[in-house]
Amino acid sequence: MRKFLAFVLSCSSLLGTNITLEFLESKPKGLARDFYIWRFLSNENTSLQEATKAYELINRKNPKLIALMKKKGTPHQLPREFFCKSLNIETLLKEDIECISYGLQLSQIPSLPKRELETLKKAVQENKSLYKQVQILSSKAILTNMLNSDAKTFAQIYSQLNQNQKKIIINQNIKPQTLKKLAEQQDPEFDKMLQGIILSDSLPKFKKSLLGAKITKTYNGYTLFLLGINELLANNKKYALQYFKLSELANKNPLFINKALFWQYLLQGDNQILQKLTTSNHIDIYTIYANQKLSTKPSYVILSELENIRGKKAPFDIQDPFAWEILYANLLKVKDTDALDSLISEFAFEYSQAHMAFVHNRATKYKNNYFITPFSQEIKWKNTHQKSLTYAIARQESNFLPALISTSYALGMMQIMPFNVEPFAKNMGIKNIKLEDMFNPVIALEFGRFYIDELEGEFKHPLLVSYAYNGGPGFLRRALEKKRLFLKNRAFEPWISLELIPYEESRFYGQKVLANYVIYQELFGNNIRLEKLLKEIPLN
């Protein structure tokens, strides 16, 4: 590990280098290289031959990369998966099973002529899973056969249907016991499907069929929780409580345990449940609420400052995403607590506090909660509210790691999307900005603060701002326009709306940012009561 650190510390940044195929081939596999491949494919001067070679280097393919690749040539010139997906069904059926698997859209099957259906069945016979799906979708009683299959097959077919097909085929009154049987097969894809349906209003009959199903086990304990929310929305408090109790027992994740406990408290009003929440060492809105309500000292540990900082600048480039990915991968290999402990001093510099906290966390098995404020002295804050919300979001976005790149290519400490960089810079009066500037933590904080201020002008409340920061303002506007969230006359508001945000990542993100915000405000000398803060959310 010492030799590895010496290598990383001596690495020079290549961020100013032109993005060439040679550059990409010289870099390690990972999100950083994928980001630069995306930029390479975005360049009109990149040839089809170069693009094809770069495409083969991708670690995680996504719609952005696929769309760029499609622009580089005709289907015949592109990798085979693109060619197969471009074929009509008649031509596709003349290809081999691999090509058919690439290009077949299951949603087409119910409307295929009999002759093509028979040809398709013969062509996919060797792929048992695909053959089974084709058989079901070519039958007259699609839903019945889906229900009589298995949970995985049901979920796989469901995911391939278009929205109109789902409404026609799936949105039916189904015997609760049938859904119980499928759910208790504990298939992850079926679990995800159930979660999505519960959080949507598009299949009301299917949702109603889940009521009273008395499902006792699912792949994910969170699904049991959402089944409880589904019962609660139908005012079935008895069944809701049963699901929350099951969810508590089924989960190992402390957040989900606390969530299930908190909802038991809301239904029963039993302070003993709140007392149990106060013993949790996990920081979330539920433990914060419990400790504030009972005026107890939290069991969780908060550290806002790191000790033994030796100077400002770290002896390695904190702004190099490749250096961070190499460092991260190698640190994950170190399992021994003493070995990790001995490495902490390697990162004991003001500019590498985030890296130091990362190693600290692993060395202490995440017993502490780091609420640091790196680079705060280099920013002129309007007030502690702005500072608290900016750091609350930065902590959730990146844990303050300056060179982080997400799967959607959000960049840096504040995870700014590439398409926002230039417009933000223009509005901020900054010229000659580059995407790599988002790896500069001070610039990133300024851009993040600017965006938060913009969102706050429209959405006002810290929780709503966090939803918009994560999912985009358009996502939040559409969600609020449907009048399903934060309703005036609905029981358990606003808590129930926090569990109904349709986009999963934003749902959990907002709750975590809100907890971070309350903690940071307290560190800056302001006692923010969570219950009061939530009541300030405007109700529809």
Protein backbone atom coordinates (compact mmCIF):
# COMPACT_ATOMS: atom_id res chain seq x y z
CA MET A 1 0.00 0.00 0.00
CA ARG A 2 2.87 2.39 0.76
CA LYS A 3 4.32 1.80 -2.71
CA PHE A 4 0.91 2.48 -4.21
CA LEU A 5 0.58 5.75 -2.30
CA ALA A 6 4.02 6.81 -3.46
CA PHE A 7 2.87 6.19 -7.05
CA VAL A 8 -0.34 8.20 -6.64
CA LEU A 9 1.44 11.06 -4.86
CA SER A 10 3.92 11.33 -7.70
CA CYS A 11 1.33 11.24 -10.50
CA SER A 12 1.02 14.40 -12.56
CA SER A 13 -2.42 15.48 -13.69
CA LEU A 14 -3.29 14.89 -17.33
CA LEU A 15 -6.52 16.87 -17.25
CA GLY A 16 -5.20 19.44 -19.72
CA THR A 17 -4.31 16.78 -22.30
CA ASN A 18 -6.25 16.50 -25.55
CA ILE A 19 -8.68 13.59 -25.44
CA THR A 20 -7.37 11.06 -27.92
CA LEU A 21 -7.86 7.34 -28.31
CA GLU A 22 -4.34 6.84 -26.98
CA PHE A 23 -5.22 8.95 -23.92
CA LEU A 24 -8.31 6.82 -23.26
CA GLU A 25 -6.45 3.54 -23.74
CA SER A 26 -3.82 4.66 -21.22
CA LYS A 27 -6.39 5.24 -18.45
CA PRO A 28 -7.86 2.71 -16.01
CA LYS A 29 -11.33 1.31 -16.53
CA GLY A 30 -13.97 3.26 -14.59
CA LEU A 31 -16.39 6.18 -14.55
CA ALA A 32 -13.64 8.74 -15.12
CA ARG A 33 -12.64 7.08 -18.38
CA ASP A 34 -16.31 6.69 -19.36
CA PHE A 35 -16.73 10.45 -18.88
CA TYR A 36 -13.83 11.17 -21.21
CA ILE A 37 -15.12 8.57 -23.70
CA TRP A 38 -18.43 10.46 -23.68
CA ARG A 39 -16.57 13.65 -24.53
CA PHE A 40 -14.52 11.85 -27.17
CA LEU A 41 -17.67 10.48 -28.82
CA SER A 42 -19.28 13.94 -28.61
CA ASN A 43 -16.50 15.38 -30.77
CA GLU A 44 -17.62 15.61 -34.41
CA ASN A 45 -14.02 15.05 -35.52
CA THR A 46 -13.86 11.60 -33.89
CA SER A 47 -13.97 9.06 -36.70
CA LEU A 48 -16.22 6.01 -36.76
CA GLN A 49 -13.18 3.74 -36.42
CA GLU A 50 -11.91 5.65 -33.37
CA ALA A 51 -15.41 5.79 -31.87
CA THR A 52 -15.84 2.03 -32.23
CA LYS A 53 -12.57 1.36 -30.43
CA ALA A 54 -13.46 3.85 -27.69
CA TYR A 55 -16.92 2.29 -27.31
CA GLU A 56 -15.29 -1.06 -26.58
CA LEU A 57 -13.47 0.55 -23.62
CA ILE A 58 -16.67 1.64 -21.84
CA ASN A 59 -17.13 0.38 -18.29
CA ARG A 60 -20.84 1.24 -17.96
CA LYS A 61 -22.90 1.76 -21.11
CA ASN A 62 -25.74 4.23 -20.86
CA PRO A 63 -28.26 5.92 -23.22
CA LYS A 64 -25.97 8.96 -23.65
CA LEU A 65 -23.10 6.87 -24.99
CA ILE A 66 -25.39 4.71 -27.12
CA ALA A 67 -27.03 7.78 -28.71
CA LEU A 68 -23.65 9.31 -29.54
CA MET A 69 -22.45 6.05 -31.06
CA LYS A 70 -25.52 5.80 -33.27
CA LYS A 71 -24.67 9.16 -34.82
CA LYS A 72 -21.25 7.94 -35.93
CA GLY A 73 -22.40 5.59 -38.70
CA THR A 74 -25.07 3.44 -40.27
CA PRO A 75 -26.26 0.35 -38.38
CA HIS A 76 -24.12 -1.90 -40.63
CA GLN A 77 -20.99 0.01 -39.60
CA LEU A 78 -21.68 0.00 -35.89
CA PRO A 79 -21.24 -2.76 -33.28
CA ARG A 80 -23.68 -5.65 -33.83
CA GLU A 81 -26.07 -4.72 -31.02
CA PHE A 82 -26.89 -1.46 -32.85
CA PHE A 83 -27.39 -3.28 -36.14
CA CYS A 84 -29.76 -5.81 -34.57
CA LYS A 85 -31.80 -3.14 -32.80
CA SER A 86 -32.29 -1.30 -36.10
CA LEU A 87 -33.93 -4.27 -37.88
CA ASN A 88 -37.65 -4.68 -38.39
CA ILE A 89 -39.13 -7.88 -37.00
CA GLU A 90 -39.29 -9.64 -40.37
CA THR A 91 -35.58 -9.08 -41.05
CA LEU A 92 -34.59 -9.70 -37.42
CA LEU A 93 -36.11 -13.20 -37.52
CA LYS A 94 -33.62 -14.17 -40.24
CA GLU A 95 -30.70 -13.49 -37.87
CA ASP A 96 -29.21 -15.74 -35.16
CA ILE A 97 -30.43 -15.99 -31.56
CA GLU A 98 -27.86 -13.46 -30.28
CA CYS A 99 -29.08 -10.83 -32.73
CA ILE A 100 -32.73 -11.61 -31.99
CA SER A 101 -32.02 -11.21 -28.26
CA TYR A 102 -30.50 -7.79 -28.95
CA GLY A 103 -33.24 -6.54 -31.24
CA LEU A 104 -36.49 -8.12 -30.08
CA GLN A 105 -38.97 -5.83 -28.36
CA LEU A 106 -41.35 -7.90 -26.25
CA SER A 107 -44.00 -5.21 -26.55
CA GLN A 108 -44.31 -6.09 -30.27
CA ILE A 109 -45.24 -9.73 -29.66
CA PRO A 110 -48.98 -9.39 -28.85
CA SER A 111 -49.61 -7.77 -32.24
CA LEU A 112 -47.41 -10.05 -34.40
CA PRO A 113 -49.10 -12.11 -37.16
CA LYS A 114 -49.38 -15.86 -36.49
CA ARG A 115 -46.73 -16.82 -39.06
CA GLU A 116 -44.12 -14.50 -37.57
CA LEU A 117 -44.99 -15.71 -34.07
CA GLU A 118 -44.32 -19.32 -35.04
CA THR A 119 -41.03 -18.35 -36.69
CA LEU A 120 -40.05 -16.40 -33.57
CA LYS A 121 -40.85 -19.29 -31.22
CA LYS A 122 -38.68 -21.65 -33.26
CA ALA A 123 -35.85 -19.11 -33.39
CA VAL A 124 -35.67 -18.52 -29.61
CA GLN A 125 -36.28 -22.09 -28.39
CA GLU A 126 -32.73 -22.49 -27.11
CA ASN A 127 -33.10 -19.42 -24.89
CA LYS A 128 -35.52 -20.86 -22.31
CA SER A 129 -36.25 -17.57 -20.53
CA LEU A 130 -36.96 -15.66 -23.75
CA TYR A 131 -39.00 -18.54 -25.17
CA LYS A 132 -41.17 -18.56 -22.04
CA GLN A 133 -41.80 -14.82 -22.35
CA VAL A 134 -42.69 -15.13 -26.04
CA GLN A 135 -45.11 -17.96 -25.25
CA ILE A 136 -46.90 -15.89 -22.62
CA LEU A 137 -47.10 -12.72 -24.71
CA SER A 138 -48.41 -14.60 -27.74
CA SER A 139 -51.22 -16.20 -25.71
CA LYS A 140 -54.81 -14.99 -25.50
CA ALA A 141 -54.75 -14.71 -21.69
CA ILE A 142 -51.51 -12.80 -21.12
CA LEU A 143 -52.14 -11.68 -17.53
CA THR A 144 -53.40 -15.10 -16.43
CA ASN A 145 -50.30 -16.76 -17.83
CA MET A 146 -48.05 -14.13 -16.29
CA LEU A 147 -49.64 -14.77 -12.90
CA ASN A 148 -49.25 -18.52 -13.35
CA SER A 149 -45.56 -18.21 -14.22
CA ASP A 150 -42.97 -17.05 -11.71
CA ALA A 151 -42.11 -13.68 -10.16
CA LYS A 152 -39.01 -13.09 -12.31
CA THR A 153 -40.83 -13.82 -15.59
CA PHE A 154 -43.75 -11.61 -14.54
CA ALA A 155 -41.43 -8.70 -13.75
CA GLN A 156 -39.35 -9.13 -16.91
CA ILE A 157 -42.43 -9.07 -19.13
CA TYR A 158 -43.88 -6.12 -17.20
CA SER A 159 -40.70 -4.09 -17.74
CA GLN A 160 -40.88 -4.62 -21.52
CA LEU A 161 -44.51 -3.57 -21.96
CA ASN A 162 -45.30 -0.02 -22.99
CA GLN A 163 -47.42 2.15 -20.72
CA ASN A 164 -50.63 1.57 -22.65
CA GLN A 165 -50.11 -2.21 -22.59
CA LYS A 166 -49.54 -2.10 -18.84
CA LYS A 167 -52.85 -0.26 -18.37
CA ILE A 168 -54.73 -2.77 -20.53
CA ILE A 169 -53.01 -6.02 -19.48
CA ILE A 170 -51.79 -5.44 -15.92
CA ASN A 171 -54.28 -2.98 -14.45
CA GLN A 172 -56.84 -5.58 -13.45
CA ASN A 173 -58.45 -6.84 -10.25
CA ILE A 174 -56.23 -9.70 -9.12
CA LYS A 175 -56.72 -12.06 -6.19
CA PRO A 176 -54.48 -10.79 -3.35
CA GLN A 177 -53.37 -14.38 -2.62
CA THR A 178 -51.99 -14.69 -6.15
CA LEU A 179 -49.84 -11.57 -5.68
CA LYS A 180 -48.78 -12.82 -2.24
CA LYS A 181 -47.54 -16.06 -3.81
CA LEU A 182 -45.46 -14.17 -6.38
CA ALA A 183 -44.09 -11.58 -3.93
CA GLU A 184 -42.99 -14.25 -1.47
CA GLN A 185 -40.75 -15.82 -4.13
CA GLN A 186 -38.49 -12.90 -3.11
CA ASP A 187 -37.32 -11.98 -6.59
CA PRO A 188 -35.47 -8.62 -6.79
CA GLU A 189 -37.03 -7.63 -10.14
CA PHE A 190 -40.55 -8.34 -8.90
CA ASP A 191 -39.76 -6.34 -5.76
CA LYS A 192 -38.66 -3.33 -7.81
CA MET A 193 -41.80 -3.63 -9.91
CA LEU A 194 -44.03 -3.62 -6.81
CA GLN A 195 -42.25 -0.56 -5.43
CA GLY A 196 -42.74 1.33 -8.70
CA ILE A 197 -46.42 0.45 -8.93
CA ILE A 198 -47.13 1.47 -5.32
CA LEU A 199 -45.47 4.84 -5.90
CA SER A 200 -47.39 5.47 -9.11
CA ASP A 201 -51.06 6.14 -9.81
CA SER A 202 -50.98 4.54 -13.26
CA LEU A 203 -52.26 1.07 -12.19
CA PRO A 204 -54.90 1.72 -9.48
CA LYS A 205 -56.62 -1.68 -9.79
CA PHE A 206 -53.35 -3.56 -9.36
CA LYS A 207 -52.50 -1.39 -6.33
CA LYS A 208 -55.92 -2.08 -4.85
CA SER A 209 -55.34 -5.83 -5.38
CA LEU A 210 -52.31 -5.61 -3.07
CA LEU A 211 -54.53 -4.48 -0.19
CA GLY A 212 -55.04 -7.26 2.30
CA ALA A 213 -52.56 -9.57 0.55
CA LYS A 214 -50.80 -10.11 3.90
CA ILE A 215 -47.42 -10.60 2.26
CA THR A 216 -44.95 -11.69 4.94
CA LYS A 217 -41.62 -11.73 3.08
CA THR A 218 -40.13 -9.96 0.08
CA TYR A 219 -36.66 -9.75 -1.43
CA ASN A 220 -36.18 -6.30 0.07
CA GLY A 221 -37.54 -5.25 3.45
CA TYR A 222 -38.24 -1.80 2.02
CA THR A 223 -40.93 -3.35 -0.18
CA LEU A 224 -42.73 -4.44 2.98
CA PHE A 225 -42.56 -0.84 4.17
CA LEU A 226 -44.11 0.47 0.94
CA LEU A 227 -46.84 -2.16 1.16
CA GLY A 228 -47.57 -0.60 4.55
CA ILE A 229 -47.75 2.86 2.98
CA ASN A 230 -50.14 1.45 0.36
CA GLU A 231 -52.39 0.14 3.12
CA LEU A 232 -52.19 3.44 4.98
CA LEU A 233 -53.28 5.38 1.89
CA ALA A 234 -56.37 3.16 1.88
CA ASN A 235 -56.82 3.91 5.61
CA ASN A 236 -56.09 0.29 6.57
CA LYS A 237 -54.03 1.16 9.65
CA LYS A 238 -54.07 -2.35 11.08
CA TYR A 239 -52.44 -3.91 8.01
CA ALA A 240 -50.12 -0.91 7.63
CA LEU A 241 -48.82 -1.42 11.16
CA GLN A 242 -48.24 -5.12 10.49
CA TYR A 243 -46.16 -4.29 7.43
CA PHE A 244 -44.10 -1.68 9.31
CA LYS A 245 -43.33 -4.25 12.02
CA LEU A 246 -42.35 -6.83 9.38
CA SER A 247 -40.18 -4.25 7.63
CA GLU A 248 -38.34 -3.44 10.86
CA LEU A 249 -37.48 -7.11 11.35
CA ALA A 250 -36.59 -7.76 7.70
CA ASN A 251 -34.12 -4.90 7.35
CA LYS A 252 -30.46 -4.72 8.29
CA ASN A 253 -29.98 -1.18 7.03
CA PRO A 254 -30.35 1.15 10.06
CA LEU A 255 -32.10 3.81 7.96
CA PHE A 256 -34.89 1.39 6.99
CA ILE A 257 -35.16 0.04 10.51
CA ASN A 258 -35.57 3.58 11.84
CA LYS A 259 -38.07 4.41 9.10
CA ALA A 260 -40.21 1.39 10.03
CA LEU A 261 -39.99 2.22 13.74
CA PHE A 262 -40.95 5.85 13.17
CA TRP A 263 -44.10 4.88 11.28
CA GLN A 264 -45.06 2.51 14.06
CA TYR A 265 -44.78 5.50 16.37
CA LEU A 266 -46.95 7.67 14.09
CA LEU A 267 -49.66 5.00 14.09
CA GLN A 268 -49.48 4.15 17.79
CA GLY A 269 -48.17 7.32 19.48
CA ASP A 270 -46.05 5.19 21.78
CA ASN A 271 -43.09 7.10 23.24
CA GLN A 272 -41.33 3.82 23.94
CA ILE A 273 -40.84 3.49 20.19
CA LEU A 274 -39.32 6.97 20.10
CA GLN A 275 -37.08 5.92 22.97
CA LYS A 276 -35.90 2.97 20.90
CA LEU A 277 -35.12 5.34 18.04
CA THR A 278 -32.93 7.46 20.31
CA THR A 279 -30.63 4.46 20.86
CA SER A 280 -29.77 4.31 17.15
CA ASN A 281 -26.33 5.62 16.19
CA HIS A 282 -27.55 6.34 12.65
CA ILE A 283 -28.29 9.96 11.72
CA ASP A 284 -31.55 10.42 9.83
CA ILE A 285 -34.70 12.51 10.12
CA TYR A 286 -36.30 9.87 12.34
CA THR A 287 -33.55 9.75 14.97
CA ILE A 288 -33.26 13.55 14.90
CA TYR A 289 -37.02 13.85 15.45
CA ALA A 290 -36.97 11.32 18.32
CA ASN A 291 -34.08 12.99 20.13
CA GLN A 292 -35.62 16.44 19.74
CA LYS A 293 -39.06 15.24 20.84
CA LEU A 294 -37.72 13.51 23.97
CA SER A 295 -34.94 16.05 24.62
CA THR A 296 -32.36 13.25 24.78
CA LYS A 297 -28.69 13.25 23.91
CA PRO A 298 -28.21 11.46 20.54
CA SER A 299 -26.41 8.11 20.45
CA TYR A 300 -24.74 9.03 17.17
CA VAL A 301 -21.33 10.71 17.14
CA ILE A 302 -20.72 13.88 15.10
CA LEU A 303 -17.21 15.05 14.25
CA SER A 304 -16.90 18.45 12.58
CA GLU A 305 -13.12 18.79 12.73
CA LEU A 306 -10.25 16.44 11.92
CA GLU A 307 -7.19 16.31 14.13
CA ASN A 308 -3.48 16.55 13.36
CA ILE A 309 -3.84 18.45 10.08
CA ARG A 310 -0.26 19.15 8.91
CA GLY A 311 -0.78 21.82 6.29
CA LYS A 312 -3.00 23.03 3.46
CA LYS A 313 -2.08 21.47 0.15
CA ALA A 314 -2.12 17.68 -0.18
CA PRO A 315 0.92 16.05 -1.81
CA PHE A 316 -1.23 14.67 -4.63
CA ASP A 317 -3.65 16.16 -7.14
CA ILE A 318 -7.03 16.18 -5.43
CA GLN A 319 -8.57 17.41 -8.71
CA ASP A 320 -7.57 14.39 -10.82
CA PRO A 321 -10.52 11.94 -11.15
CA PHE A 322 -8.22 9.13 -12.35
CA ALA A 323 -5.97 9.51 -9.29
CA TRP A 324 -9.05 9.37 -7.05
CA GLU A 325 -10.41 6.23 -8.72
CA ILE A 326 -7.06 4.45 -8.39
CA LEU A 327 -6.79 5.57 -4.78
CA TYR A 328 -10.35 4.50 -4.00
CA ALA A 329 -9.91 1.06 -5.55
CA ASN A 330 -6.72 0.42 -3.60
CA LEU A 331 -8.08 1.71 -0.31
CA LEU A 332 -11.01 -0.70 -0.63
CA LYS A 333 -8.51 -3.55 -0.76
CA VAL A 334 -7.18 -2.67 2.69
CA LYS A 335 -9.35 -4.58 5.15
CA ASP A 336 -7.15 -4.48 8.25
CA THR A 337 -8.17 -1.73 10.70
CA ASP A 338 -4.61 -1.11 11.92
CA ALA A 339 -3.36 -0.79 8.34
CA LEU A 340 -6.07 1.75 7.56
CA ASP A 341 -5.31 3.60 10.78
CA SER A 342 -1.67 3.93 9.80
CA LEU A 343 -2.68 5.46 6.45
CA ILE A 344 -4.75 8.30 7.92
CA SER A 345 -1.73 10.58 8.35
CA GLU A 346 -1.02 10.32 4.60
CA PHE A 347 -4.13 12.46 4.04
CA ALA A 348 -3.85 14.81 7.03
CA PHE A 349 -3.94 18.04 5.03
CA GLU A 350 -6.58 20.73 4.87
CA TYR A 351 -7.20 20.20 1.15
CA SER A 352 -7.56 16.42 1.53
CA GLN A 353 -9.92 16.39 4.53
CA ALA A 354 -12.49 14.44 2.51
CA HIS A 355 -9.95 11.72 1.75
CA MET A 356 -8.87 11.65 5.37
CA ALA A 357 -12.49 11.31 6.54
CA PHE A 358 -12.99 8.48 4.03
CA VAL A 359 -10.07 6.50 5.50
CA HIS A 360 -11.19 7.39 9.05
CA ASN A 361 -14.65 6.00 8.28
CA ARG A 362 -13.27 2.72 7.05
CA ALA A 363 -10.82 2.43 9.96
CA THR A 364 -13.58 3.01 12.53
CA LYS A 365 -16.19 0.92 10.66
CA TYR A 366 -18.36 4.02 10.15
CA LYS A 367 -19.00 4.59 13.86
CA ASN A 368 -18.55 8.35 13.48
CA ASN A 369 -20.39 10.88 11.34
CA TYR A 370 -18.17 13.48 9.70
CA PHE A 371 -19.76 16.88 9.17
CA ILE A 372 -16.71 18.75 7.95
CA THR A 373 -16.72 22.08 6.08
CA PRO A 374 -13.70 21.99 3.74
CA PHE A 375 -12.76 25.22 1.90
CA SER A 376 -15.41 27.18 3.81
CA GLN A 377 -12.94 30.01 4.56
CA GLU A 378 -12.55 30.64 0.83
CA ILE A 379 -16.26 31.35 0.30
CA LYS A 380 -18.17 34.47 1.32
CA TRP A 381 -21.40 33.06 2.70
CA LYS A 382 -24.61 35.11 2.87
CA ASN A 383 -25.69 33.49 6.13
CA THR A 384 -25.56 30.22 8.06
CA HIS A 385 -28.68 28.97 6.26
CA GLN A 386 -26.92 29.16 2.89
CA LYS A 387 -23.77 27.61 4.30
CA SER A 388 -25.74 24.81 6.00
CA LEU A 389 -27.76 23.92 2.92
CA THR A 390 -24.73 24.02 0.60
CA TYR A 391 -22.72 21.71 2.84
CA ALA A 392 -25.75 19.50 3.48
CA ILE A 393 -26.03 18.94 -0.26
CA ALA A 394 -22.25 18.63 -0.82
CA ARG A 395 -22.07 15.96 1.88
CA GLN A 396 -24.79 13.95 0.19
CA GLU A 397 -23.52 14.52 -3.34
CA SER A 398 -19.86 13.63 -2.90
CA ASN A 399 -18.79 13.40 0.75
CA PHE A 400 -16.71 16.44 -0.29
CA LEU A 401 -14.46 14.46 -2.65
CA PRO A 402 -13.38 17.03 -5.29
CA ALA A 403 -12.74 14.72 -8.26
CA LEU A 404 -15.84 12.54 -8.07
CA ILE A 405 -17.72 11.62 -11.28
CA SER A 406 -21.18 10.03 -11.17
CA THR A 407 -22.73 7.49 -13.53
CA SER A 408 -24.59 10.38 -15.22
CA TYR A 409 -21.27 12.33 -15.42
CA ALA A 410 -22.14 14.84 -12.73
CA LEU A 411 -18.86 16.42 -11.71
CA GLY A 412 -16.97 17.28 -8.57
CA MET A 413 -17.89 18.12 -5.01
CA MET A 414 -21.26 19.58 -5.94
CA GLN A 415 -21.91 17.10 -8.78
CA ILE A 416 -22.71 19.74 -11.39
CA MET A 417 -24.09 18.31 -14.63
CA PRO A 418 -21.91 19.13 -17.67
CA PHE A 419 -24.79 20.80 -19.54
CA ASN A 420 -25.21 23.24 -16.62
CA VAL A 421 -21.59 24.38 -16.42
CA GLU A 422 -21.62 26.94 -19.23
CA PRO A 423 -25.07 28.48 -18.46
CA PHE A 424 -24.19 28.78 -14.76
CA ALA A 425 -20.84 30.38 -15.60
CA LYS A 426 -22.54 32.90 -17.91
CA ASN A 427 -25.08 33.88 -15.25
CA MET A 428 -22.29 34.11 -12.66
CA GLY A 429 -20.18 36.33 -14.94
CA ILE A 430 -17.37 33.77 -15.22
CA LYS A 431 -15.50 33.38 -18.52
CA ASN A 432 -13.32 30.63 -19.98
CA ILE A 433 -14.81 27.89 -17.86
CA LYS A 434 -13.95 24.23 -18.52
CA LEU A 435 -15.68 21.08 -17.36
CA GLU A 436 -12.51 20.16 -15.43
CA ASP A 437 -12.98 23.31 -13.35
CA MET A 438 -15.77 21.46 -11.54
CA PHE A 439 -13.01 19.37 -9.92
CA ASN A 440 -11.72 22.53 -8.25
CA PRO A 441 -13.54 22.40 -4.90
CA VAL A 442 -13.78 26.17 -4.43
CA ILE A 443 -15.23 26.70 -7.91
CA ALA A 444 -17.54 23.74 -7.34
CA LEU A 445 -18.85 25.21 -4.08
CA GLU A 446 -19.50 28.54 -5.82
CA PHE A 447 -21.39 26.82 -8.65
CA GLY A 448 -23.35 24.67 -6.22
CA ARG A 449 -24.22 27.66 -4.09
CA PHE A 450 -25.37 29.58 -7.17
CA TYR A 451 -27.63 26.70 -8.26
CA ILE A 452 -29.07 26.27 -4.76
CA ASP A 453 -29.89 29.99 -4.62
CA GLU A 454 -31.66 29.71 -7.99
CA LEU A 455 -33.72 26.73 -6.86
CA GLU A 456 -34.53 28.35 -3.54
CA GLY A 457 -36.02 31.32 -5.38
CA GLU A 458 -38.64 28.98 -6.83
CA PHE A 459 -39.07 26.20 -4.27
CA LYS A 460 -38.34 28.06 -0.99
CA HIS A 461 -38.05 25.09 1.41
CA PRO A 462 -34.73 23.22 1.95
CA LEU A 463 -36.39 19.84 1.37
CA LEU A 464 -37.95 20.90 -1.94
CA VAL A 465 -34.68 22.51 -3.01
CA SER A 466 -32.87 19.24 -2.35
CA TYR A 467 -35.39 17.29 -4.46
CA ALA A 468 -34.92 19.74 -7.32
CA TYR A 469 -31.12 19.71 -6.98
CA ASN A 470 -31.07 15.93 -7.31
CA GLY A 471 -33.87 15.18 -9.76
CA GLY A 472 -33.98 18.51 -11.57
CA PRO A 473 -36.49 21.36 -11.20
CA GLY A 474 -38.62 19.96 -14.04
CA PHE A 475 -39.01 16.66 -12.20
CA LEU A 476 -40.18 18.41 -9.04
CA ARG A 477 -42.57 20.74 -10.87
CA ARG A 478 -44.21 17.78 -12.60
CA ALA A 479 -44.44 15.81 -9.35
CA LEU A 480 -46.09 18.72 -7.51
CA GLU A 481 -48.47 19.51 -10.41
CA LYS A 482 -50.03 16.04 -10.11
CA LYS A 483 -51.43 17.06 -6.69
CA ARG A 484 -50.39 13.76 -5.08
CA LEU A 485 -47.84 15.27 -2.71
CA PHE A 486 -48.13 17.49 0.37
CA LEU A 487 -51.92 17.53 0.46
CA LYS A 488 -53.73 19.72 3.00
CA ASN A 489 -56.37 17.29 4.21
CA ARG A 490 -54.40 14.04 4.12
CA ALA A 491 -53.44 12.30 7.35
CA PHE A 492 -49.78 12.04 8.34
CA GLU A 493 -48.67 14.97 6.19
CA PRO A 494 -45.99 15.97 5.41
CA TRP A 495 -44.36 12.70 6.52
CA ILE A 496 -46.31 10.52 4.11
CA SER A 497 -45.36 12.67 1.12
CA LEU A 498 -41.70 12.17 1.99
CA GLU A 499 -42.29 8.46 1.33
CA LEU A 500 -44.21 9.03 -1.93
CA ILE A 501 -41.66 10.98 -3.99
CA PRO A 502 -41.82 8.99 -7.26
CA TYR A 503 -38.08 9.00 -8.09
CA GLU A 504 -36.32 6.69 -5.63
CA GLU A 505 -32.96 8.44 -5.60
CA SER A 506 -34.55 11.85 -4.94
CA ARG A 507 -36.82 10.39 -2.25
CA PHE A 508 -33.92 9.19 -0.09
CA TYR A 509 -31.68 12.07 -1.10
CA GLY A 510 -34.11 14.71 0.18
CA GLN A 511 -34.50 12.98 3.55
CA LYS A 512 -30.72 12.70 3.99
CA VAL A 513 -30.06 16.31 2.97
CA LEU A 514 -32.72 17.50 5.41
CA ALA A 515 -31.00 15.62 8.24
CA ASN A 516 -27.62 17.05 7.16
CA TYR A 517 -29.10 20.56 7.08
CA VAL A 518 -30.43 20.35 10.65
CA ILE A 519 -27.05 19.03 11.90
CA TYR A 520 -25.05 21.73 10.11
CA GLN A 521 -27.36 24.46 11.41
CA GLU A 522 -26.80 23.15 14.92
CA LEU A 523 -23.02 23.15 14.38
CA PHE A 524 -23.27 26.78 13.27
CA GLY A 525 -25.21 27.71 16.41
CA ASN A 526 -28.83 27.44 15.25
CA ASN A 527 -31.27 25.01 16.86
CA ILE A 528 -33.64 24.01 14.06
CA ARG A 529 -36.62 21.95 15.19
CA LEU A 530 -37.25 19.34 12.50
CA GLU A 531 -40.98 19.07 13.19
CA LYS A 532 -41.41 22.84 12.82
CA LEU A 533 -39.27 22.91 9.70
CA LEU A 534 -41.41 20.24 8.04
CA LYS A 535 -44.59 22.11 8.88
CA GLU A 536 -43.24 25.02 6.82
CA ILE A 537 -43.56 23.00 3.61
CA PRO A 538 -46.47 24.53 1.63
CA LEU A 539 -49.37 22.07 1.29
CA ASN A 540 -51.51 21.76 -1.84
